[in-house]
């Protein structure tokens, strides 16, 4: 499948796909003459990158994941990476919940204050 069709199927721009290739987030595609050709594995990787971005994961974080080598090792690396991201999100939730409690204390304090005459 050529890059234009991949862009349509994934909802990514051609420029983004080329950037992900350049950064090593996807493997260099096979070529048919001057044209890049992509397969189902490439499309799945691009969709994972797109989903990661919607979760707020930065491309630089994704770059640490290797796309080469044994598939079982790759899956384990991805799983560990996702668990790390999940732990970070949970930490952020706790911090935000603490801030909400502190805001409620401030709001309640304002409500109990006498209004200036």
N, C-alpha and C. Protein backbone atom coordinates (compact mmCIF):
# COMPACT_ATOMS: atom_id res chain seq x y z
N UNK A 1 0.85 -1.17 0.00
CA UNK A 1 0.00 0.00 0.00
C UNK A 1 0.90 1.23 0.00
N UNK A 2 0.57 2.20 -0.84
CA UNK A 2 1.36 3.42 -0.92
C UNK A 2 1.02 4.38 0.21
N UNK A 3 1.89 5.36 0.42
CA UNK A 3 1.78 6.26 1.56
C UNK A 3 0.46 7.05 1.58
N UNK A 4 -0.05 7.43 0.42
CA UNK A 4 -1.31 8.17 0.37
C UNK A 4 -2.46 7.34 0.91
N UNK A 5 -2.51 6.07 0.54
CA UNK A 5 -3.56 5.18 1.03
C UNK A 5 -3.41 4.93 2.53
N UNK A 6 -2.17 4.82 2.99
CA UNK A 6 -1.92 4.63 4.43
C UNK A 6 -2.37 5.86 5.20
N UNK A 7 -2.09 7.03 4.66
CA UNK A 7 -2.51 8.27 5.31
C UNK A 7 -4.03 8.31 5.43
N UNK A 8 -4.72 7.93 4.37
CA UNK A 8 -6.19 7.91 4.40
C UNK A 8 -6.70 6.91 5.43
N UNK A 9 -6.11 5.72 5.45
CA UNK A 9 -6.58 4.66 6.33
C UNK A 9 -6.31 4.98 7.81
N UNK A 10 -5.20 5.64 8.10
CA UNK A 10 -4.84 5.91 9.49
C UNK A 10 -5.30 7.28 9.98
N UNK A 11 -5.61 8.17 9.04
CA UNK A 11 -5.97 9.53 9.43
C UNK A 11 -4.76 10.38 9.76
N UNK A 12 -3.59 9.90 9.43
CA UNK A 12 -2.35 10.66 9.65
C UNK A 12 -1.95 11.35 8.35
N UNK A 13 -1.23 12.43 8.48
CA UNK A 13 -0.75 13.11 7.28
C UNK A 13 0.47 12.36 6.72
N UNK A 14 0.71 12.56 5.45
CA UNK A 14 1.90 11.96 4.82
C UNK A 14 3.15 12.48 5.51
N UNK A 15 3.14 13.75 5.85
CA UNK A 15 4.28 14.36 6.54
C UNK A 15 4.53 13.67 7.88
N UNK A 16 3.47 13.37 8.63
CA UNK A 16 3.62 12.70 9.93
C UNK A 16 4.19 11.29 9.75
N UNK A 17 3.70 10.58 8.75
CA UNK A 17 4.18 9.22 8.49
C UNK A 17 5.67 9.24 8.18
N UNK A 18 6.08 10.18 7.35
CA UNK A 18 7.50 10.30 7.01
C UNK A 18 8.33 10.67 8.24
N UNK A 19 7.78 11.53 9.09
CA UNK A 19 8.48 11.90 10.33
C UNK A 19 8.65 10.68 11.23
N UNK A 20 7.61 9.88 11.39
CA UNK A 20 7.69 8.69 12.24
C UNK A 20 8.73 7.71 11.69
N UNK A 21 8.80 7.64 10.38
CA UNK A 21 9.82 6.79 9.74
C UNK A 21 11.22 7.36 10.04
N UNK A 22 11.36 8.65 9.85
CA UNK A 22 12.66 9.31 10.06
C UNK A 22 13.13 9.14 11.51
N UNK A 23 12.21 9.23 12.45
CA UNK A 23 12.55 9.11 13.88
C UNK A 23 12.76 7.65 14.30
N UNK A 24 12.45 6.71 13.41
CA UNK A 24 12.62 5.30 13.75
C UNK A 24 11.46 4.72 14.53
N UNK A 25 10.32 5.41 14.52
CA UNK A 25 9.14 4.91 15.23
C UNK A 25 8.47 3.78 14.45
N UNK A 26 8.68 3.80 13.13
CA UNK A 26 8.26 2.68 12.29
C UNK A 26 9.46 2.30 11.44
N UNK A 27 9.46 1.09 10.99
CA UNK A 27 10.60 0.63 10.16
C UNK A 27 10.57 1.33 8.81
N UNK A 28 11.72 1.42 8.20
CA UNK A 28 11.78 1.99 6.86
C UNK A 28 10.99 1.06 5.94
N UNK A 29 9.99 1.59 5.23
CA UNK A 29 9.16 0.73 4.40
C UNK A 29 9.91 0.21 3.18
N UNK A 30 9.40 -0.89 2.67
CA UNK A 30 9.95 -1.42 1.43
C UNK A 30 9.66 -0.42 0.32
N UNK A 31 10.41 -0.52 -0.75
CA UNK A 31 10.20 0.41 -1.87
C UNK A 31 9.85 -0.37 -3.12
N UNK A 32 8.97 0.24 -3.87
CA UNK A 32 8.62 -0.27 -5.21
C UNK A 32 8.99 0.86 -6.14
N UNK A 33 10.21 0.80 -6.65
CA UNK A 33 10.73 1.92 -7.43
C UNK A 33 10.98 3.09 -6.48
N UNK A 34 10.40 4.23 -6.78
CA UNK A 34 10.56 5.42 -5.94
C UNK A 34 9.55 5.47 -4.79
N UNK A 35 8.58 4.58 -4.81
CA UNK A 35 7.47 4.67 -3.88
C UNK A 35 7.65 3.78 -2.65
N UNK A 36 7.28 4.33 -1.51
CA UNK A 36 7.27 3.56 -0.27
C UNK A 36 6.04 2.66 -0.30
N UNK A 37 6.21 1.44 0.16
CA UNK A 37 5.05 0.54 0.29
C UNK A 37 4.96 0.06 1.73
N UNK A 38 3.76 0.06 2.25
CA UNK A 38 3.51 -0.28 3.65
C UNK A 38 2.62 -1.51 3.72
N UNK A 39 2.77 -2.25 4.81
CA UNK A 39 1.92 -3.43 5.01
C UNK A 39 1.08 -3.26 6.27
N UNK A 40 0.35 -4.29 6.63
CA UNK A 40 -0.55 -4.25 7.78
C UNK A 40 0.19 -3.96 9.07
N UNK A 41 1.38 -4.50 9.22
CA UNK A 41 2.18 -4.26 10.43
C UNK A 41 2.49 -2.77 10.57
N UNK A 42 2.86 -2.13 9.47
CA UNK A 42 3.15 -0.70 9.49
C UNK A 42 1.91 0.11 9.88
N UNK A 43 0.79 -0.27 9.31
CA UNK A 43 -0.46 0.44 9.61
C UNK A 43 -0.81 0.29 11.09
N UNK A 44 -0.66 -0.92 11.61
CA UNK A 44 -0.95 -1.14 13.04
C UNK A 44 -0.03 -0.30 13.92
N UNK A 45 1.25 -0.22 13.56
CA UNK A 45 2.18 0.59 14.34
C UNK A 45 1.79 2.07 14.28
N UNK A 46 1.41 2.53 13.10
CA UNK A 46 0.99 3.93 12.96
C UNK A 46 -0.26 4.22 13.78
N UNK A 47 -1.19 3.28 13.80
CA UNK A 47 -2.40 3.47 14.60
C UNK A 47 -2.08 3.49 16.09
N UNK A 48 -1.11 2.67 16.51
CA UNK A 48 -0.68 2.68 17.92
C UNK A 48 -0.03 4.02 18.28
N UNK A 49 0.77 4.54 17.37
CA UNK A 49 1.40 5.85 17.60
C UNK A 49 0.33 6.92 17.72
N UNK A 50 -0.65 6.86 16.83
CA UNK A 50 -1.74 7.84 16.86
C UNK A 50 -2.50 7.76 18.18
N UNK A 51 -2.80 6.55 18.64
CA UNK A 51 -3.51 6.36 19.91
C UNK A 51 -2.66 6.86 21.07
N UNK A 52 -1.37 6.57 21.04
CA UNK A 52 -0.47 7.03 22.10
C UNK A 52 -0.48 8.55 22.19
N UNK A 53 -0.49 9.20 21.05
CA UNK A 53 -0.53 10.67 21.05
C UNK A 53 -1.83 11.18 21.67
N UNK A 54 -2.95 10.50 21.43
CA UNK A 54 -4.22 10.95 22.02
C UNK A 54 -4.20 10.77 23.54
N UNK A 55 -3.35 9.87 24.03
CA UNK A 55 -3.21 9.66 25.47
C UNK A 55 -2.20 10.63 26.09
N UNK A 56 -1.61 11.47 25.26
CA UNK A 56 -0.66 12.46 25.77
C UNK A 56 0.77 11.94 25.84
N UNK A 57 1.01 10.81 25.22
CA UNK A 57 2.37 10.24 25.21
C UNK A 57 3.16 10.96 24.12
N UNK A 58 4.35 11.40 24.49
CA UNK A 58 5.18 12.16 23.55
C UNK A 58 5.93 11.22 22.61
N UNK A 59 6.21 11.73 21.42
CA UNK A 59 6.95 10.93 20.44
C UNK A 59 8.32 10.54 20.98
N UNK A 60 8.93 11.44 21.74
CA UNK A 60 10.26 11.13 22.30
C UNK A 60 10.18 9.94 23.26
N UNK A 61 9.04 9.79 23.94
CA UNK A 61 8.87 8.63 24.82
C UNK A 61 8.72 7.36 24.00
N UNK A 62 8.02 7.45 22.89
CA UNK A 62 7.82 6.28 22.04
C UNK A 62 9.11 5.83 21.37
N UNK A 63 10.00 6.79 21.15
CA UNK A 63 11.24 6.50 20.44
C UNK A 63 12.09 5.48 21.20
N UNK A 64 11.93 5.45 22.52
CA UNK A 64 12.71 4.52 23.34
C UNK A 64 12.33 3.06 23.08
N UNK A 65 11.16 2.83 22.52
CA UNK A 65 10.73 1.46 22.24
C UNK A 65 11.38 0.97 20.95
N UNK A 66 11.96 -0.19 21.01
CA UNK A 66 12.60 -0.75 19.83
C UNK A 66 11.57 -1.49 18.98
N UNK A 67 11.64 -1.31 17.68
CA UNK A 67 10.74 -2.04 16.78
C UNK A 67 11.47 -3.19 16.10
N UNK A 68 12.68 -3.45 16.56
CA UNK A 68 13.45 -4.55 15.96
C UNK A 68 13.61 -5.67 16.97
N UNK A 69 13.93 -6.87 16.47
CA UNK A 69 14.21 -7.99 17.35
C UNK A 69 13.00 -8.89 17.52
N UNK A 70 13.10 -9.75 18.52
CA UNK A 70 12.10 -10.75 18.83
C UNK A 70 10.76 -10.10 19.18
N UNK A 71 9.67 -10.61 18.59
CA UNK A 71 8.35 -10.03 18.82
C UNK A 71 7.93 -10.14 20.28
N UNK A 72 8.28 -11.24 20.96
CA UNK A 72 7.92 -11.40 22.37
C UNK A 72 8.61 -10.34 23.21
N UNK A 73 9.87 -10.03 22.90
CA UNK A 73 10.60 -8.99 23.62
C UNK A 73 9.95 -7.64 23.35
N UNK A 74 9.56 -7.41 22.10
CA UNK A 74 8.90 -6.15 21.75
C UNK A 74 7.62 -5.97 22.56
N UNK A 75 6.80 -7.02 22.63
CA UNK A 75 5.55 -6.94 23.37
C UNK A 75 5.79 -6.69 24.85
N UNK A 76 6.81 -7.33 25.40
CA UNK A 76 7.15 -7.12 26.81
C UNK A 76 7.60 -5.68 27.04
N UNK A 77 8.39 -5.14 26.12
CA UNK A 77 8.85 -3.76 26.23
C UNK A 77 7.68 -2.79 26.16
N UNK A 78 6.76 -3.04 25.25
CA UNK A 78 5.59 -2.18 25.11
C UNK A 78 4.73 -2.26 26.37
N UNK A 79 4.56 -3.47 26.89
CA UNK A 79 3.76 -3.64 28.10
C UNK A 79 4.39 -2.89 29.27
N UNK A 80 5.70 -3.00 29.45
CA UNK A 80 6.37 -2.29 30.53
C UNK A 80 6.25 -0.78 30.35
N UNK A 81 6.38 -0.34 29.12
CA UNK A 81 6.25 1.08 28.81
C UNK A 81 4.85 1.58 29.19
N UNK A 82 3.83 0.83 28.78
CA UNK A 82 2.45 1.23 29.07
C UNK A 82 2.16 1.20 30.56
N UNK A 83 2.71 0.22 31.27
CA UNK A 83 2.54 0.18 32.73
C UNK A 83 3.19 1.39 33.39
N UNK A 84 4.32 1.81 32.86
CA UNK A 84 5.00 3.00 33.36
C UNK A 84 4.15 4.25 33.13
N UNK A 85 3.57 4.37 31.95
CA UNK A 85 2.70 5.50 31.63
C UNK A 85 1.47 5.48 32.53
N UNK A 86 0.89 4.29 32.75
CA UNK A 86 -0.27 4.16 33.62
C UNK A 86 0.06 4.61 35.04
N UNK A 87 1.21 4.20 35.55
CA UNK A 87 1.63 4.61 36.90
C UNK A 87 1.79 6.12 36.98
N UNK A 88 2.32 6.71 35.92
CA UNK A 88 2.47 8.17 35.89
C UNK A 88 1.11 8.85 35.89
N UNK A 89 0.16 8.33 35.11
CA UNK A 89 -1.19 8.89 35.09
C UNK A 89 -1.85 8.77 36.47
N UNK A 90 -1.65 7.61 37.13
CA UNK A 90 -2.23 7.43 38.46
C UNK A 90 -1.63 8.43 39.46
N UNK A 91 -0.35 8.68 39.35
CA UNK A 91 0.30 9.67 40.22
C UNK A 91 -0.29 11.06 39.97
N UNK A 92 -0.48 11.39 38.69
CA UNK A 92 -1.07 12.68 38.34
C UNK A 92 -2.50 12.81 38.88
N UNK A 93 -3.27 11.72 38.84
CA UNK A 93 -4.63 11.74 39.37
C UNK A 93 -4.61 12.03 40.87
N UNK A 94 -3.72 11.38 41.60
CA UNK A 94 -3.61 11.61 43.04
C UNK A 94 -3.25 13.06 43.32
N UNK A 95 -2.31 13.59 42.56
CA UNK A 95 -1.92 14.99 42.75
C UNK A 95 -3.09 15.93 42.46
N UNK A 96 -3.84 15.65 41.40
CA UNK A 96 -4.99 16.49 41.05
C UNK A 96 -6.10 16.37 42.11
N UNK A 97 -6.32 15.17 42.62
CA UNK A 97 -7.33 15.00 43.66
C UNK A 97 -6.94 15.79 44.91
N UNK A 98 -5.66 15.81 45.25
CA UNK A 98 -5.17 16.59 46.39
C UNK A 98 -5.42 18.08 46.15
N UNK A 99 -5.17 18.53 44.95
CA UNK A 99 -5.41 19.94 44.62
C UNK A 99 -6.89 20.28 44.71
N UNK A 100 -7.75 19.35 44.28
CA UNK A 100 -9.19 19.58 44.39
C UNK A 100 -9.62 19.72 45.84
N UNK A 101 -9.08 18.89 46.71
CA UNK A 101 -9.40 18.98 48.14
C UNK A 101 -8.96 20.33 48.68
N UNK A 102 -7.76 20.75 48.31
CA UNK A 102 -7.25 22.04 48.77
C UNK A 102 -8.11 23.19 48.24
N UNK A 103 -8.56 23.08 46.99
CA UNK A 103 -9.45 24.10 46.43
C UNK A 103 -10.78 24.14 47.18
N UNK A 104 -11.33 22.97 47.51
CA UNK A 104 -12.58 22.92 48.27
C UNK A 104 -12.43 23.60 49.62
N UNK A 105 -11.29 23.40 50.28
CA UNK A 105 -11.02 24.06 51.57
C UNK A 105 -11.02 25.57 51.37
N UNK A 106 -10.36 26.04 50.32
CA UNK A 106 -10.32 27.48 50.04
C UNK A 106 -11.72 28.02 49.75
N UNK A 107 -12.46 27.29 48.92
CA UNK A 107 -13.82 27.73 48.57
C UNK A 107 -14.69 27.78 49.82
N UNK A 108 -14.62 26.74 50.64
CA UNK A 108 -15.41 26.70 51.87
C UNK A 108 -15.00 27.85 52.79
N UNK A 109 -13.72 28.13 52.84
CA UNK A 109 -13.23 29.24 53.67
C UNK A 109 -13.79 30.57 53.19
N UNK A 110 -13.88 30.75 51.91
CA UNK A 110 -14.44 31.99 51.37
C UNK A 110 -15.93 32.11 51.67
N UNK A 111 -16.64 30.98 51.59
CA UNK A 111 -18.08 31.00 51.87
C UNK A 111 -18.37 31.35 53.32
N UNK A 112 -17.46 30.98 54.23
CA UNK A 112 -17.72 31.22 55.65
C UNK A 112 -17.22 32.60 56.10
N UNK A 113 -16.54 33.29 55.19
CA UNK A 113 -16.07 34.64 55.52
C UNK A 113 -17.25 35.61 55.47
N UNK A 114 -17.18 36.62 56.32
CA UNK A 114 -18.20 37.66 56.26
C UNK A 114 -17.90 38.57 55.08
N UNK A 115 -18.95 39.01 54.37
CA UNK A 115 -18.76 39.93 53.28
C UNK A 115 -18.47 41.33 53.83
N UNK A 116 -17.57 42.04 53.17
CA UNK A 116 -17.30 43.41 53.61
C UNK A 116 -18.55 44.27 53.43
N UNK A 117 -18.77 45.16 54.35
CA UNK A 117 -19.96 46.02 54.32
C UNK A 117 -19.84 47.15 53.36
